[in-house]
Amino acid sequence: MAWSSVGNIKGVDGSLVATNTQTGTTYTLVLGDKGKLVECTNAAAITLTVPPNSSVAFAVGTVIYVAQGGAGQVTVAAAAGVTIKKASTLKTRAQESVLALVKTATDTWRLMGDAA
């Protein structure tokens, strides 16, 4: 079942989470993704890029969810100047895996969830 078909997904603050479905093989986060679930649905591998604060000024504390809704494994990539802290890899483990990105400083994010 794809995330977009699941009703009433709630964020950390209890509000409903909107979905931004991406069908391509590359995507760079935009300010409108704050608090959303970015669902990547391509059958091929997908690269999701976290831009630097100088390009997209997300507030510290911003949370963005990333789901592998298709067969293509999602790799979260840091643009120049961005640090992504993680326990394992920057890739989703399997279809339906969900990761969360939390901005902890100006150009630093923490990645957690069902990583490979």
Protein backbone atom coordinates (compact mmCIF):
# COMPACT_ATOMS: atom_id res chain seq x y z
CA MET A 1 0.00 0.00 0.00
CA ALA A 2 1.42 3.40 -0.95
CA TRP A 3 1.70 6.12 1.67
CA SER A 4 -0.53 8.43 -0.32
CA SER A 5 -3.39 5.98 0.15
CA VAL A 6 -3.01 5.86 3.92
CA GLY A 7 -5.30 8.35 5.63
CA ASN A 8 -4.57 10.62 8.57
CA ILE A 9 -0.79 10.44 8.81
CA LYS A 10 0.21 12.74 11.68
CA GLY A 11 3.43 14.63 12.26
CA VAL A 12 5.31 15.04 15.53
CA ASP A 13 3.04 17.95 16.53
CA GLY A 14 -0.13 15.92 15.92
CA SER A 15 -1.13 17.80 12.77
CA LEU A 16 -1.97 15.95 9.58
CA VAL A 17 0.96 15.47 7.20
CA ALA A 18 0.50 16.48 3.56
CA THR A 19 2.15 14.40 0.83
CA ASN A 20 4.38 15.65 -1.98
CA THR A 21 4.59 12.78 -4.50
CA GLN A 22 7.72 12.77 -6.67
CA THR A 23 7.84 10.50 -9.73
CA GLY A 24 11.28 11.38 -11.14
CA THR A 25 14.73 10.04 -10.32
CA THR A 26 16.01 13.26 -8.72
CA TYR A 27 14.42 15.79 -6.39
CA THR A 28 15.78 18.68 -4.33
CA LEU A 29 13.84 19.69 -1.25
CA VAL A 30 11.98 23.02 -1.34
CA LEU A 31 10.63 25.18 1.48
CA GLY A 32 7.12 23.84 0.84
CA ASP A 33 8.29 20.35 1.92
CA LYS A 34 8.52 21.44 5.58
CA GLY A 35 6.43 19.03 7.63
CA LYS A 36 5.43 16.97 4.60
CA LEU A 37 5.93 13.40 3.47
CA VAL A 38 7.94 13.39 0.23
CA GLU A 39 6.90 10.14 -1.40
CA CYS A 40 9.30 8.92 -4.09
CA THR A 41 7.50 6.55 -6.44
CA ASN A 42 9.89 5.80 -9.31
CA ALA A 43 10.83 2.22 -10.19
CA ALA A 44 14.47 3.32 -10.66
CA ALA A 45 16.87 4.61 -7.98
CA ILE A 46 16.07 8.12 -6.71
CA THR A 47 18.36 10.82 -5.33
CA LEU A 48 16.76 13.29 -2.93
CA THR A 49 19.03 16.28 -2.26
CA VAL A 50 19.06 18.39 0.88
CA PRO A 51 19.99 21.94 -0.22
CA PRO A 52 22.18 24.33 1.77
CA ASN A 53 20.57 26.96 3.99
CA SER A 54 21.81 29.65 1.57
CA SER A 55 19.50 28.19 -1.11
CA VAL A 56 16.52 27.05 1.00
CA ALA A 57 16.32 28.46 4.52
CA PHE A 58 14.42 25.81 6.46
CA ALA A 59 14.06 26.75 10.13
CA VAL A 60 16.06 24.74 12.64
CA GLY A 61 13.69 22.07 13.92
CA THR A 62 12.07 21.45 10.53
CA VAL A 63 11.01 17.83 9.99
CA ILE A 64 10.60 16.29 6.53
CA TYR A 65 9.59 12.66 5.99
CA VAL A 66 10.84 10.68 2.97
CA ALA A 67 9.14 7.49 1.78
CA GLN A 68 10.18 4.93 -0.80
CA GLY A 69 6.77 4.45 -2.39
CA GLY A 70 8.08 2.69 -5.49
CA ALA A 71 10.66 0.04 -6.25
CA GLY A 72 13.47 2.60 -6.61
CA GLN A 73 15.66 2.93 -3.53
CA VAL A 74 15.90 6.53 -2.28
CA THR A 75 19.33 7.98 -1.50
CA VAL A 76 19.39 11.18 0.56
CA ALA A 77 22.25 13.37 -0.68
CA ALA A 78 23.78 16.40 1.00
CA ALA A 79 24.40 19.39 -1.27
CA ALA A 80 27.73 21.21 -0.88
CA GLY A 81 28.09 22.54 2.65
CA VAL A 82 25.36 20.33 4.13
CA THR A 83 26.04 17.68 6.79
CA ILE A 84 23.65 14.78 7.31
CA LYS A 85 24.22 12.83 10.51
CA LYS A 86 23.01 9.24 10.45
CA ALA A 87 23.44 5.91 12.22
CA SER A 88 23.73 3.76 9.11
CA THR A 89 23.31 4.66 5.43
CA LEU A 90 21.64 7.48 3.52
CA LYS A 91 19.36 5.02 1.68
CA THR A 92 15.92 3.61 2.31
CA ARG A 93 15.96 -0.10 3.08
CA ALA A 94 13.04 -1.24 0.90
CA GLN A 95 9.77 -0.21 -0.69
CA GLU A 96 7.52 1.40 1.99
CA SER A 97 10.55 2.43 4.10
CA VAL A 98 10.22 5.87 5.67
CA LEU A 99 13.01 8.19 6.79
CA ALA A 100 12.78 11.45 8.73
CA LEU A 101 15.08 14.42 8.25
CA VAL A 102 15.34 16.90 11.14
CA LYS A 103 17.25 20.16 10.76
CA THR A 104 19.42 20.59 13.87
CA ALA A 105 21.62 23.57 12.85
CA THR A 106 22.07 25.96 9.91
CA ASP A 107 23.41 23.32 7.50
CA THR A 108 23.12 20.19 9.62
CA TRP A 109 20.37 17.58 9.46
CA ARG A 110 19.81 14.30 11.29
CA LEU A 111 18.46 11.32 9.30
CA MET A 112 16.60 8.53 11.07
CA GLY A 113 14.24 5.74 10.18
CA ASP A 114 14.17 2.58 8.09
CA ALA A 115 17.57 2.96 6.41
CA ALA A 116 19.51 0.22 4.60
